[in-house]
Protein backbone atom coordinates (compact mmCIF):
# COMPACT_ATOMS: atom_id res chain seq x y z
CA MET A 1 0.00 0.00 0.00
CA THR A 2 1.36 3.41 -0.89
CA ALA A 3 1.37 6.41 1.36
CA PRO A 4 -1.20 9.12 0.54
CA GLN A 5 1.50 11.64 -0.44
CA GLN A 6 3.00 9.15 -2.91
CA ARG A 7 -0.24 8.59 -4.81
CA ARG A 8 -0.62 10.42 -8.08
CA ARG A 9 -3.46 12.90 -8.01
CA ASP A 10 -5.25 13.94 -11.11
CA PRO A 11 -5.64 17.72 -11.09
CA GLN A 12 -8.83 17.53 -13.16
CA PRO A 13 -10.65 14.27 -12.40
CA ILE A 14 -13.06 14.59 -15.30
CA GLY A 15 -13.03 11.01 -16.52
CA GLN A 16 -11.01 8.27 -18.08
CA GLY A 17 -11.02 9.73 -21.58
CA TRP A 18 -13.29 7.24 -23.31
CA GLU A 19 -16.54 8.67 -21.93
CA ALA A 20 -16.53 11.62 -24.33
CA ALA A 21 -16.03 9.34 -27.34
CA VAL A 22 -18.88 7.07 -26.25
CA ALA A 23 -21.16 10.08 -25.69
CA VAL A 24 -20.35 11.49 -29.14
CA LEU A 25 -20.86 8.12 -30.83
CA GLY A 26 -24.16 7.53 -29.02
CA SER A 27 -25.38 11.02 -29.87
CA ALA A 28 -24.42 10.54 -33.52
CA LEU A 29 -26.35 7.25 -33.70
CA LEU A 30 -29.37 8.87 -32.05
CA VAL A 31 -29.31 11.79 -34.48
CA LEU A 32 -28.93 9.47 -37.48
CA GLY A 33 -31.86 7.34 -36.28
CA LEU A 34 -34.11 10.35 -35.71
CA THR A 35 -33.05 11.78 -39.07
CA ALA A 36 -34.05 8.53 -40.78
CA LEU A 37 -37.46 8.75 -39.11
CA CYS A 38 -37.80 12.36 -40.30
CA GLY A 39 -36.96 11.23 -43.84
CA LEU A 40 -39.61 8.51 -43.61
CA GLY A 41 -42.19 10.98 -42.31
CA GLY A 42 -41.29 13.56 -44.94
CA ALA A 43 -41.47 11.03 -47.76
CA SER A 44 -44.86 9.87 -46.53
CA ALA A 45 -46.10 13.45 -46.27
CA ILE A 46 -44.87 14.40 -49.76
CA PHE A 47 -45.25 11.18 -51.76
CA GLY A 48 -47.58 9.09 -49.56
CA ARG A 49 -50.91 9.76 -47.92
CA GLY A 50 -49.75 11.84 -44.93
CA TRP A 51 -47.19 12.35 -42.18
CA VAL A 52 -46.25 9.29 -40.13
CA TRP A 53 -44.30 9.05 -36.87
CA PRO A 54 -43.86 6.10 -34.50
CA SER A 55 -46.03 6.25 -31.39
CA GLY A 56 -43.30 5.37 -28.85
CA THR A 57 -39.67 4.46 -28.34
CA GLU A 58 -40.32 0.76 -28.84
CA ALA A 59 -42.14 1.49 -32.09
CA MET A 60 -39.23 3.71 -33.18
CA GLY A 61 -36.89 0.76 -32.85
CA HIS A 62 -39.19 -1.43 -34.95
CA VAL A 63 -39.60 1.26 -37.63
CA ILE A 64 -35.82 1.84 -37.85
CA GLY A 65 -35.35 -1.92 -38.02
CA GLY A 66 -37.86 -2.04 -40.87
CA LEU A 67 -35.96 0.70 -42.68
CA LEU A 68 -32.70 -1.21 -42.27
CA THR A 69 -34.20 -4.48 -43.51
CA GLY A 70 -35.95 -2.93 -46.54
CA HIS A 71 -39.52 -2.76 -45.21
CA PRO A 72 -40.33 0.94 -44.65
CA GLY A 73 -43.86 0.41 -43.24
CA GLN A 74 -42.83 -2.16 -40.64
CA GLY A 75 -43.45 -1.19 -37.02
CA PHE A 76 -46.41 1.10 -37.65
CA GLY A 77 -50.03 0.39 -36.79
CA ASN A 78 -52.50 -0.53 -39.54
CA HIS A 79 -53.63 3.06 -40.12
CA GLN A 80 -50.15 4.58 -40.31
CA ALA A 81 -48.79 1.71 -42.44
CA THR A 82 -51.26 2.63 -45.18
CA LEU A 83 -49.94 6.23 -45.20
CA VAL A 84 -46.29 5.27 -45.87
CA ALA A 85 -44.92 6.12 -49.33
CA GLY A 86 -43.20 3.63 -51.62
CA PRO A 87 -39.69 2.36 -50.85
CA VAL A 88 -37.93 4.41 -53.54
CA ALA A 89 -39.37 7.70 -52.28
CA VAL A 90 -38.72 6.75 -48.64
CA TYR A 91 -35.08 5.85 -49.17
CA LEU A 92 -34.50 8.91 -51.35
CA CYS A 93 -35.89 11.22 -48.64
CA VAL A 94 -33.99 9.36 -45.91
CA ALA A 95 -30.74 9.76 -47.88
CA VAL A 96 -31.37 13.49 -48.37
CA CYS A 97 -32.09 13.97 -44.66
CA GLU A 98 -29.04 11.96 -43.61
CA LEU A 99 -26.77 13.93 -45.98
CA ALA A 100 -28.18 17.19 -44.60
CA ALA A 101 -27.48 16.03 -41.03
CA ILE A 102 -23.92 14.98 -41.93
CA ALA A 103 -23.32 18.31 -43.70
CA ALA A 104 -24.59 20.20 -40.64
CA PHE A 105 -22.29 18.15 -38.40
CA ILE A 106 -19.27 18.84 -40.63
CA ALA A 107 -20.08 22.56 -40.77
CA GLY A 108 -20.35 22.65 -36.97
CA ALA A 109 -17.07 20.78 -36.57
CA VAL A 110 -15.33 23.20 -38.94
CA LEU A 111 -16.63 26.18 -36.97
CA VAL A 112 -15.51 24.65 -33.67
CA THR A 113 -12.03 23.81 -34.93
CA ARG A 114 -11.68 27.24 -36.52
CA TYR A 115 -12.25 29.02 -33.22
CA ARG A 116 -11.13 26.44 -30.65
CA ARG A 117 -7.97 24.44 -31.25
CA PRO A 118 -6.78 22.37 -28.31
CA GLY A 119 -3.09 22.84 -27.59
CA ASP A 120 -2.83 25.96 -29.74
CA ALA A 121 -0.48 28.38 -27.99
CA ARG A 122 -1.85 31.32 -29.95
CA GLY A 123 -5.12 31.11 -28.06
CA GLY A 124 -3.58 32.72 -24.97
CA MET A 125 -0.91 34.86 -26.61
CA ALA A 126 -1.31 38.56 -27.34
CA THR A 127 -0.71 39.78 -30.85
CA ARG A 128 2.02 42.36 -31.52
CA GLY A 129 -0.56 45.12 -31.69
CA GLU A 130 -2.22 44.10 -28.42
CA ALA A 131 1.13 43.93 -26.63
CA GLU A 132 2.16 47.35 -27.93
CA GLN A 133 -1.17 48.84 -26.94
CA ALA A 134 -0.96 47.40 -23.42
CA LEU A 135 2.73 48.04 -22.73
CA GLY A 136 3.81 50.74 -25.14
CA ILE A 137 6.88 50.56 -27.38
CA SER A 138 9.28 51.97 -24.80
CA ARG A 139 8.27 49.41 -22.16
CA LEU A 140 8.52 46.61 -24.71
CA ARG A 141 12.04 47.66 -25.67
CA ALA A 142 13.04 47.97 -22.00
CA ALA A 143 11.77 44.45 -21.25
CA ARG A 144 13.04 42.77 -24.43
CA GLU A 145 15.63 40.69 -22.56
CA ILE A 146 12.84 39.16 -20.47
CA ILE A 147 10.35 38.78 -23.32
CA ARG A 148 12.78 37.22 -25.84
CA PRO A 149 15.94 36.08 -24.05
CA ASP A 150 16.89 34.00 -27.09
CA LEU A 151 17.22 37.17 -29.19
CA TYR A 152 18.12 39.90 -26.68
CA GLY A 153 19.38 38.10 -23.56
CA ALA A 154 22.95 38.04 -22.21
CA ASN A 155 23.77 34.83 -24.10
CA ALA A 156 22.28 35.96 -27.42
CA SER A 157 24.59 36.53 -30.36
CA LYS A 158 25.58 40.16 -31.03
CA GLY A 159 24.26 40.10 -34.61
CA ASN A 160 20.59 39.88 -33.59
CA ARG A 161 20.52 43.13 -31.57
């Protein structure tokens, strides 16, 4: 048994690291399933006899299973099964909805990575203009040995000054 002071302590005990990946994967599967149901409902509203939607979570599973096995009306009650459009229209609308969801996800990921890059040192660094505005040129020149010791420090080469 190790002493308490010898144990490694995690400064941010958020999780093991795999929880975020599982949450993202589960959310993606949920969104894709709901998007397929929206495609089925839209196809039935446009090309069938009216909007259809499963009446519960158990019915949703059966309807998605029917979509995956090639039977778009499976899992609905008798009344809603008669409203479902033909398979070609259903799968066309499902594909359009899925592509729209994937495009929205990619656009969101691009926006997030454009403005938030993990490990990017520039996120906390001031630009030259911000540093000059905050410190002034004379204070920057006076503190140049501290700011850039590789260029202006005591051990820097004489050619860089």
